[in-house]
Amino acid sequence: PWTERALRECKGAQAFFSSGIDTLAAQDPSVQ
């Protein structure tokens, strides 16, 4: 179960560090 959770979090990280970061970065183009 801990391994499966880590794998799910890896999938979640893919979403956050792609489209999620892009959404956040739109608040300040200078740091985008």
Full PDB file with SEQRES, HELIX, SHEET, SSBOND, CRYST1, ORIGX, SCALE, CONECT and MASTER records, all heavy atoms in Angstrom:
SEQRES   1 A   32  PRO TRP THR GLU ARG ALA LEU ARG GLU CYS LYS GLY ALA          
SEQRES   2 A   32  GLN ALA PHE PHE SER SER GLY ILE ASP THR LEU ALA ALA          
SEQRES   3 A   32  GLN ASP PRO SER VAL GLN                                      
HELIX    1 AA1 TRP A    2  ALA A   15  1                                  14    
HELIX    2 AA2 PHE A   16  GLY A   20  3                                   5    
HELIX    3 AA3 ILE A   21  ALA A   25  1                                   5    
HELIX    4 AA4 PRO A   29  VAL A   31  5                                   3    
CRYST1    1.000    1.000    1.000  90.00  90.00  90.00 P 1           1          
ORIGX1      1.000000  0.000000  0.000000        0.00000                         
ORIGX2      0.000000  1.000000  0.000000        0.00000                         
ORIGX3      0.000000  0.000000  1.000000        0.00000                         
SCALE1      1.000000  0.000000  0.000000        0.00000                         
SCALE2      0.000000  1.000000  0.000000        0.00000                         
SCALE3      0.000000  0.000000  1.000000        0.00000                         
ATOM      1  N   PRO A   1       0.809  -1.227   0.000  1.00  0.00           N  
ATOM      2  CA  PRO A   1       0.000   0.000   0.000  1.00  0.00           C  
ATOM      3  C   PRO A   1       0.841   1.275   0.000  1.00  0.00           C  
ATOM      4  O   PRO A   1       0.450   2.272  -0.616  1.00  0.00           O  
ATOM      5  CB  PRO A   1      -0.829  -0.127   1.290  1.00  0.00           C  
ATOM      6  CG  PRO A   1      -0.919  -1.596   1.534  1.00  0.00           C  
ATOM      7  CD  PRO A   1       0.409  -2.133   1.095  1.00  0.00           C  
ATOM      8  N   TRP A   2       1.990   1.254   0.687  1.00  0.00           N  
ATOM      9  CA  TRP A   2       2.850   2.441   0.694  1.00  0.00           C  
ATOM     10  C   TRP A   2       3.478   2.662  -0.675  1.00  0.00           C  
ATOM     11  O   TRP A   2       3.627   3.795  -1.129  1.00  0.00           O  
ATOM     12  CB  TRP A   2       3.936   2.305   1.755  1.00  0.00           C  
ATOM     13  CG  TRP A   2       3.417   2.420   3.151  1.00  0.00           C  
ATOM     14  CD1 TRP A   2       2.128   2.680   3.537  1.00  0.00           C  
ATOM     15  CD2 TRP A   2       4.176   2.278   4.355  1.00  0.00           C  
ATOM     16  NE1 TRP A   2       2.043   2.700   4.902  1.00  0.00           N  
ATOM     17  CE2 TRP A   2       3.275   2.466   5.438  1.00  0.00           C  
ATOM     18  CE3 TRP A   2       5.502   2.004   4.625  1.00  0.00           C  
ATOM     19  CZ2 TRP A   2       3.681   2.384   6.768  1.00  0.00           C  
ATOM     20  CZ3 TRP A   2       5.914   1.933   5.956  1.00  0.00           C  
ATOM     21  CH2 TRP A   2       5.016   2.124   7.003  1.00  0.00           C  
ATOM     22  N   THR A   3       3.847   1.550  -1.333  1.00  0.00           N  
ATOM     23  CA  THR A   3       4.410   1.662  -2.681  1.00  0.00           C  
ATOM     24  C   THR A   3       3.358   2.177  -3.658  1.00  0.00           C  
ATOM     25  O   THR A   3       3.641   3.043  -4.502  1.00  0.00           O  
ATOM     26  CB  THR A   3       4.939   0.301  -3.146  1.00  0.00           C  
ATOM     27  OG1 THR A   3       5.900  -0.168  -2.197  1.00  0.00           O  
ATOM     28  CG2 THR A   3       5.593   0.398  -4.514  1.00  0.00           C  
ATOM     29  N   GLU A   4       2.137   1.654  -3.549  1.00  0.00           N  
ATOM     30  CA  GLU A   4       1.061   2.104  -4.432  1.00  0.00           C  
ATOM     31  C   GLU A   4       0.751   3.577  -4.213  1.00  0.00           C  
ATOM     32  O   GLU A   4       0.489   4.317  -5.163  1.00  0.00           O  
ATOM     33  CB  GLU A   4      -0.189   1.252  -4.210  1.00  0.00           C  
ATOM     34  CG  GLU A   4      -0.030  -0.186  -4.698  1.00  0.00           C  
ATOM     35  CD  GLU A   4      -1.205  -1.064  -4.337  1.00  0.00           C  
ATOM     36  OE1 GLU A   4      -1.923  -0.736  -3.347  1.00  0.00           O  
ATOM     37  OE2 GLU A   4      -1.415  -2.084  -5.015  1.00  0.00           O  
ATOM     38  N   ARG A   5       0.800   4.006  -2.947  1.00  0.00           N  
ATOM     39  CA  ARG A   5       0.570   5.428  -2.675  1.00  0.00           C  
ATOM     40  C   ARG A   5       1.658   6.278  -3.306  1.00  0.00           C  
ATOM     41  O   ARG A   5       1.374   7.320  -3.914  1.00  0.00           O  
ATOM     42  CB  ARG A   5       0.524   5.676  -1.168  1.00  0.00           C  
ATOM     43  CG  ARG A   5       0.393   7.149  -0.819  1.00  0.00           C  
ATOM     44  CD  ARG A   5       0.251   7.388   0.662  1.00  0.00           C  
ATOM     45  NE  ARG A   5       0.287   8.815   0.965  1.00  0.00           N  
ATOM     46  CZ  ARG A   5       0.037   9.326   2.163  1.00  0.00           C  
ATOM     47  NH1 ARG A   5      -0.261   8.529   3.171  1.00  0.00           N  
ATOM     48  NH2 ARG A   5       0.100  10.632   2.359  1.00  0.00           N  
ATOM     49  N   ALA A   6       2.906   5.846  -3.183  1.00  0.00           N  
ATOM     50  CA  ALA A   6       4.002   6.603  -3.782  1.00  0.00           C  
ATOM     51  C   ALA A   6       3.834   6.707  -5.294  1.00  0.00           C  
ATOM     52  O   ALA A   6       4.084   7.759  -5.890  1.00  0.00           O  
ATOM     53  CB  ALA A   6       5.344   5.955  -3.438  1.00  0.00           C  
ATOM     54  N   LEU A   7       3.396   5.617  -5.925  1.00  0.00           N  
ATOM     55  CA  LEU A   7       3.182   5.636  -7.374  1.00  0.00           C  
ATOM     56  C   LEU A   7       2.056   6.592  -7.750  1.00  0.00           C  
ATOM     57  O   LEU A   7       2.154   7.318  -8.750  1.00  0.00           O  
ATOM     58  CB  LEU A   7       2.888   4.223  -7.874  1.00  0.00           C  
ATOM     59  CG  LEU A   7       4.096   3.278  -7.882  1.00  0.00           C  
ATOM     60  CD1 LEU A   7       3.646   1.840  -8.097  1.00  0.00           C  
ATOM     61  CD2 LEU A   7       5.084   3.699  -8.968  1.00  0.00           C  
ATOM     62  N   ARG A   8       0.978   6.595  -6.948  1.00  0.00           N  
ATOM     63  CA  ARG A   8      -0.111   7.549  -7.221  1.00  0.00           C  
ATOM     64  C   ARG A   8       0.383   8.981  -7.082  1.00  0.00           C  
ATOM     65  O   ARG A   8       0.012   9.860  -7.876  1.00  0.00           O  
ATOM     66  CB  ARG A   8      -1.282   7.307  -6.259  1.00  0.00           C  
ATOM     67  CG  ARG A   8      -2.069   6.032  -6.514  1.00  0.00           C  
ATOM     68  CD  ARG A   8      -3.402   6.059  -5.781  1.00  0.00           C  
ATOM     69  NE  ARG A   8      -3.246   6.224  -4.334  1.00  0.00           N  
ATOM     70  CZ  ARG A   8      -3.089   5.218  -3.473  1.00  0.00           C  
ATOM     71  NH1 ARG A   8      -3.053   3.964  -3.920  1.00  0.00           N  
ATOM     72  NH2 ARG A   8      -2.982   5.450  -2.182  1.00  0.00           N  
ATOM     73  N   GLU A   9       1.220   9.210  -6.090  1.00  0.00           N  
ATOM     74  CA  GLU A   9       1.731  10.565  -5.892  1.00  0.00           C  
ATOM     75  C   GLU A   9       2.685  10.969  -7.011  1.00  0.00           C  
ATOM     76  O   GLU A   9       2.773  12.146  -7.359  1.00  0.00           O  
ATOM     77  CB  GLU A   9       2.383  10.672  -4.513  1.00  0.00           C  
ATOM     78  CG  GLU A   9       1.348  10.610  -3.397  1.00  0.00           C  
ATOM     79  CD  GLU A   9       1.923  10.678  -2.002  1.00  0.00           C  
ATOM     80  OE1 GLU A   9       3.149  10.468  -1.827  1.00  0.00           O  
ATOM     81  OE2 GLU A   9       1.141  10.930  -1.063  1.00  0.00           O  
ATOM     82  N   CYS A  10       3.398  10.007  -7.584  1.00  0.00           N  
ATOM     83  CA  CYS A  10       4.220  10.317  -8.758  1.00  0.00           C  
ATOM     84  C   CYS A  10       3.332  10.776  -9.909  1.00  0.00           C  
ATOM     85  O   CYS A  10       3.691  11.716 -10.649  1.00  0.00           O  
ATOM     86  CB  CYS A  10       5.040   9.096  -9.171  1.00  0.00           C  
ATOM     87  SG  CYS A  10       6.458   8.751  -8.094  1.00  0.00           S  
ATOM     88  N   LYS A  11       2.188  10.127 -10.082  1.00  0.00           N  
ATOM     89  CA  LYS A  11       1.257  10.549 -11.140  1.00  0.00           C  
ATOM     90  C   LYS A  11       0.711  11.942 -10.845  1.00  0.00           C  
ATOM     91  O   LYS A  11       0.601  12.794 -11.744  1.00  0.00           O  
ATOM     92  CB  LYS A  11       0.100   9.547 -11.252  1.00  0.00           C  
ATOM     93  CG  LYS A  11       0.501   8.166 -11.731  1.00  0.00           C  
ATOM     94  CD  LYS A  11       1.048   8.203 -13.145  1.00  0.00           C  
ATOM     95  CE  LYS A  11       1.346   6.795 -13.646  1.00  0.00           C  
ATOM     96  NZ  LYS A  11       2.015   6.804 -14.984  1.00  0.00           N  
ATOM     97  N   GLY A  12       0.356  12.184  -9.581  1.00  0.00           N  
ATOM     98  CA  GLY A  12      -0.128  13.508  -9.218  1.00  0.00           C  
ATOM     99  C   GLY A  12       0.929  14.577  -9.433  1.00  0.00           C  
ATOM    100  O   GLY A  12       0.622  15.699  -9.859  1.00  0.00           O  
ATOM    101  N   ALA A  13       2.180  14.224  -9.149  1.00  0.00           N  
ATOM    102  CA  ALA A  13       3.279  15.173  -9.345  1.00  0.00           C  
ATOM    103  C   ALA A  13       3.419  15.551 -10.811  1.00  0.00           C  
ATOM    104  O   ALA A  13       3.742  16.706 -11.135  1.00  0.00           O  
ATOM    105  CB  ALA A  13       4.584  14.574  -8.828  1.00  0.00           C  
ATOM    106  N   GLN A  14       3.171  14.604 -11.697  1.00  0.00           N  
ATOM    107  CA  GLN A  14       3.265  14.905 -13.129  1.00  0.00           C  
ATOM    108  C   GLN A  14       2.270  15.990 -13.517  1.00  0.00           C  
ATOM    109  O   GLN A  14       2.587  16.878 -14.316  1.00  0.00           O  
ATOM    110  CB  GLN A  14       3.025  13.634 -13.937  1.00  0.00           C  
ATOM    111  CG  GLN A  14       4.135  12.601 -13.803  1.00  0.00           C  
ATOM    112  CD  GLN A  14       3.792  11.284 -14.477  1.00  0.00           C  
ATOM    113  OE1 GLN A  14       2.819  11.201 -15.236  1.00  0.00           O  
ATOM    114  NE2 GLN A  14       4.575  10.255 -14.203  1.00  0.00           N  
ATOM    115  N   ALA A  15       1.074  15.924 -12.934  1.00  0.00           N  
ATOM    116  CA  ALA A  15       0.070  16.950 -13.238  1.00  0.00           C  
ATOM    117  C   ALA A  15       0.449  18.281 -12.596  1.00  0.00           C  
ATOM    118  O   ALA A  15       0.375  19.339 -13.237  1.00  0.00           O  
ATOM    119  CB  ALA A  15      -1.301  16.493 -12.744  1.00  0.00           C  
ATOM    120  N   PHE A  16       0.876  18.234 -11.338  1.00  0.00           N  
ATOM    121  CA  PHE A  16       1.172  19.482 -10.636  1.00  0.00           C  
ATOM    122  C   PHE A  16       2.356  20.207 -11.246  1.00  0.00           C  
ATOM    123  O   PHE A  16       2.321  21.440 -11.427  1.00  0.00           O  
ATOM    124  CB  PHE A  16       1.426  19.212  -9.156  1.00  0.00           C  
ATOM    125  CG  PHE A  16       1.848  20.433  -8.387  1.00  0.00           C  
ATOM    126  CD1 PHE A  16       0.985  21.513  -8.260  1.00  0.00           C  
ATOM    127  CD2 PHE A  16       3.106  20.519  -7.822  1.00  0.00           C  
ATOM    128  CE1 PHE A  16       1.363  22.649  -7.561  1.00  0.00           C  
ATOM    129  CE2 PHE A  16       3.493  21.650  -7.125  1.00  0.00           C  
ATOM    130  CZ  PHE A  16       2.620  22.725  -6.993  1.00  0.00           C  
ATOM    131  N   PHE A  17       3.425  19.474 -11.560  1.00  0.00           N  
ATOM    132  CA  PHE A  17       4.633  20.129 -12.060  1.00  0.00           C  
ATOM    133  C   PHE A  17       4.575  20.426 -13.562  1.00  0.00           C  
ATOM    134  O   PHE A  17       5.524  20.974 -14.109  1.00  0.00           O  
ATOM    135  CB  PHE A  17       5.862  19.295 -11.716  1.00  0.00           C  
ATOM    136  CG  PHE A  17       6.183  19.289 -10.246  1.00  0.00           C  
ATOM    137  CD1 PHE A  17       6.029  18.139  -9.494  1.00  0.00           C  
ATOM    138  CD2 PHE A  17       6.605  20.441  -9.610  1.00  0.00           C  
ATOM    139  CE1 PHE A  17       6.302  18.126  -8.133  1.00  0.00           C  
ATOM    140  CE2 PHE A  17       6.873  20.452  -8.253  1.00  0.00           C  
ATOM    141  CZ  PHE A  17       6.721  19.288  -7.507  1.00  0.00           C  
ATOM    142  N   SER A  18       3.470  20.081 -14.193  1.00  0.00           N  
ATOM    143  CA  SER A  18       3.278  20.488 -15.592  1.00  0.00           C  
ATOM    144  C   SER A  18       2.222  21.589 -15.634  1.00  0.00           C  
ATOM    145  O   SER A  18       2.533  22.772 -15.497  1.00  0.00           O  
ATOM    146  CB  SER A  18       2.894  19.286 -16.461  1.00  0.00           C  
ATOM    147  OG  SER A  18       1.760  18.609 -15.925  1.00  0.00           O  
ATOM    148  N   SER A  19       0.950  21.234 -15.773  1.00  0.00           N  
ATOM    149  CA  SER A  19      -0.093  22.253 -15.903  1.00  0.00           C  
ATOM    150  C   SER A  19      -0.286  23.050 -14.617  1.00  0.00           C  
ATOM    151  O   SER A  19      -0.618  24.247 -14.667  1.00  0.00           O  
ATOM    152  CB  SER A  19      -1.409  21.596 -16.322  1.00  0.00           C  
ATOM    153  OG  SER A  19      -1.818  20.635 -15.365  1.00  0.00           O  
ATOM    154  N   GLY A  20      -0.083  22.413 -13.456  1.00  0.00           N  
ATOM    155  CA  GLY A  20      -0.267  23.121 -12.193  1.00  0.00           C  
ATOM    156  C   GLY A  20       0.705  24.273 -12.033  1.00  0.00           C  
ATOM    157  O   GLY A  20       0.312  25.387 -11.662  1.00  0.00           O  
ATOM    158  N   ILE A  21       1.957  24.028 -12.301  1.00  0.00           N  
ATOM    159  CA  ILE A  21       2.962  25.091 -12.199  1.00  0.00           C  
ATOM    160  C   ILE A  21       2.712  26.174 -13.244  1.00  0.00           C  
ATOM    161  O   ILE A  21       2.882  27.372 -12.972  1.00  0.00           O  
ATOM    162  CB  ILE A  21       4.381  24.512 -12.339  1.00  0.00           C  
ATOM    163  CG1 ILE A  21       4.756  23.714 -11.088  1.00  0.00           C  
ATOM    164  CG2 ILE A  21       5.404  25.616 -12.599  1.00  0.00           C  
ATOM    165  CD1 ILE A  21       4.892  24.554  -9.826  1.00  0.00           C  
ATOM    166  N   ASP A  22       2.290  25.770 -14.428  1.00  0.00           N  
ATOM    167  CA  ASP A  22       2.001  26.766 -15.461  1.00  0.00           C  
ATOM    168  C   ASP A  22       0.869  27.698 -15.023  1.00  0.00           C  
ATOM    169  O   ASP A  22       0.913  28.911 -15.281  1.00  0.00           O  
ATOM    170  CB  ASP A  22       1.630  26.080 -16.770  1.00  0.00           C  
ATOM    171  CG  ASP A  22       2.831  25.416 -17.444  1.00  0.00           C  
ATOM    172  OD1 ASP A  22       3.977  25.802 -17.130  1.00  0.00           O  
ATOM    173  OD2 ASP A  22       2.612  24.518 -18.275  1.00  0.00           O  
ATOM    174  N   THR A  23      -0.150  27.138 -14.376  1.00  0.00           N  
ATOM    175  CA  THR A  23      -1.262  27.952 -13.877  1.00  0.00           C  
ATOM    176  C   THR A  23      -0.778  28.931 -12.824  1.00  0.00           C  
ATOM    177  O   THR A  23      -1.137  30.119 -12.834  1.00  0.00           O  
ATOM    178  CB  THR A  23      -2.365  27.059 -13.297  1.00  0.00           C  
ATOM    179  OG1 THR A  23      -2.867  26.192 -14.327  1.00  0.00           O  
ATOM    180  CG2 THR A  23      -3.508  27.892 -12.735  1.00  0.00           C  
ATOM    181  N   LEU A  24       0.049  28.453 -11.893  1.00  0.00           N  
ATOM    182  CA  LEU A  24       0.596  29.333 -10.865  1.00  0.00           C  
ATOM    183  C   LEU A  24       1.487  30.412 -11.476  1.00  0.00           C  
ATOM    184  O   LEU A  24       1.417  31.580 -11.098  1.00  0.00           O  
ATOM    185  CB  LEU A  24       1.402  28.511  -9.853  1.00  0.00           C  
ATOM    186  CG  LEU A  24       0.604  27.663  -8.869  1.00  0.00           C  
ATOM    187  CD1 LEU A  24       1.535  26.700  -8.133  1.00  0.00           C  
ATOM    188  CD2 LEU A  24      -0.126  28.555  -7.868  1.00  0.00           C  
ATOM    189  N   ALA A  25       2.332  30.011 -12.415  1.00  0.00           N  
ATOM    190  CA  ALA A  25       3.304  30.948 -12.998  1.00  0.00           C  
ATOM    191  C   ALA A  25       2.631  32.073 -13.750  1.00  0.00           C  
ATOM    192  O   ALA A  25       3.218  33.167 -13.896  1.00  0.00           O  
ATOM    193  CB  ALA A  25       4.246  30.189 -13.925  1.00  0.00           C  
ATOM    194  N   ALA A  26       1.403  31.859 -14.214  1.00  0.00           N  
ATOM    195  CA  ALA A  26       0.694  32.900 -14.959  1.00  0.00           C  
ATOM    196  C   ALA A  26       0.431  34.137 -14.103  1.00  0.00           C  
ATOM    197  O   ALA A  26       0.168  35.222 -14.632  1.00  0.00           O  
ATOM    198  CB  ALA A  26      -0.621  32.346 -15.499  1.00  0.00           C  
ATOM    199  N   GLN A  27       0.535  33.998 -12.775  1.00  0.00           N  
ATOM    200  CA  GLN A  27       0.309  35.147 -11.892  1.00  0.00           C  
ATOM    201  C   GLN A  27       1.420  36.190 -12.020  1.00  0.00           C  
ATOM    202  O   GLN A  27       1.205  37.358 -11.699  1.00  0.00           O  
ATOM    203  CB  GLN A  27       0.229  34.681 -10.434  1.00  0.00           C  
ATOM    204  CG  GLN A  27      -0.921  33.741 -10.139  1.00  0.00           C  
ATOM    205  CD  GLN A  27      -0.967  33.366  -8.671  1.00  0.00           C  
ATOM    206  OE1 GLN A  27      -0.915  34.229  -7.791  1.00  0.00           O  
ATOM    207  NE2 GLN A  27      -1.061  32.079  -8.392  1.00  0.00           N  
ATOM    208  N   ASP A  28       2.603  35.764 -12.446  1.00  0.00           N  
ATOM    209  CA  ASP A  28       3.736  36.701 -12.529  1.00  0.00           C  
ATOM    210  C   ASP A  28       4.628  36.286 -13.694  1.00  0.00           C  
ATOM    211  O   ASP A  28       5.513  35.438 -13.540  1.00  0.00           O  
ATOM    212  CB  ASP A  28       4.521  36.689 -11.217  1.00  0.00           C  
ATOM    213  CG  ASP A  28       5.613  37.755 -11.196  1.00  0.00           C  
ATOM    214  OD1 ASP A  28       5.956  38.302 -12.256  1.00  0.00           O  
ATOM    215  OD2 ASP A  28       6.138  38.024 -10.098  1.00  0.00           O  
ATOM    216  N   PRO A  29       4.423  36.849 -14.870  1.00  0.00           N  
ATOM    217  CA  PRO A  29       5.206  36.466 -16.037  1.00  0.00           C  
ATOM    218  C   PRO A  29       6.712  36.610 -15.840  1.00  0.00           C  
ATOM    219  O   PRO A  29       7.494  35.927 -16.502  1.00  0.00           O  
ATOM    220  CB  PRO A  29       4.690  37.408 -17.131  1.00  0.00           C  
ATOM    221  CG  PRO A  29       3.304  37.765 -16.690  1.00  0.00           C  
ATOM    222  CD  PRO A  29       3.369  37.832 -15.203  1.00  0.00           C  
ATOM    223  N   SER A  30       7.141  37.474 -14.933  1.00  0.00           N  
ATOM    224  CA  SER A  30       8.571  37.698 -14.761  1.00  0.00           C  
ATOM    225  C   SER A  30       9.286  36.467 -14.200  1.00  0.00           C  
ATOM    226  O   SER A  30      10.487  36.294 -14.427  1.00  0.00           O  
ATOM    227  CB  SER A  30       8.823  38.898 -13.842  1.00  0.00           C  
ATOM    228  OG  SER A  30       8.443  38.608 -12.499  1.00  0.00           O  
ATOM    229  N   VAL A  31       8.568  35.621 -13.462  1.00  0.00           N  
ATOM    230  CA  VAL A  31       9.193  34.415 -12.890  1.00  0.00           C  
ATOM    231  C   VAL A  31       8.780  33.154 -13.631  1.00  0.00           C  
ATOM    232  O   VAL A  31       9.231  32.064 -13.301  1.00  0.00           O  
ATOM    233  CB  VAL A  31       8.853  34.272 -11.386  1.00  0.00           C  
ATOM    234  CG1 VAL A  31       9.369  35.460 -10.605  1.00  0.00           C  
ATOM    235  CG2 VAL A  31       7.356  34.093 -11.176  1.00  0.00           C  
ATOM    236  N   GLN A  32       7.933  33.322 -14.646  1.00  0.00           N  
ATOM    237  CA  GLN A  32       7.404  32.159 -15.349  1.00  0.00           C  
ATOM    238  C   GLN A  32       8.498  31.273 -15.961  1.00  0.00           C  
ATOM    239  O   GLN A  32       8.467  30.038 -15.781  1.00  0.00           O  
ATOM    240  CB  GLN A  32       6.419  32.609 -16.426  1.00  0.00           C  
ATOM    241  CG  GLN A  32       5.606  31.471 -17.033  1.00  0.00           C  
ATOM    242  CD  GLN A  32       4.441  32.007 -17.860  1.00  0.00           C  
ATOM    243  OE1 GLN A  32       4.348  33.215 -18.129  1.00  0.00           O  
ATOM    244  NE2 GLN A  32       3.535  31.125 -18.246  1.00  0.00           N  
TER     245      GLN A  32                                                      
MASTER        0    0    0    4    0    0    0    6  244    1    0    3          
END                                                                             
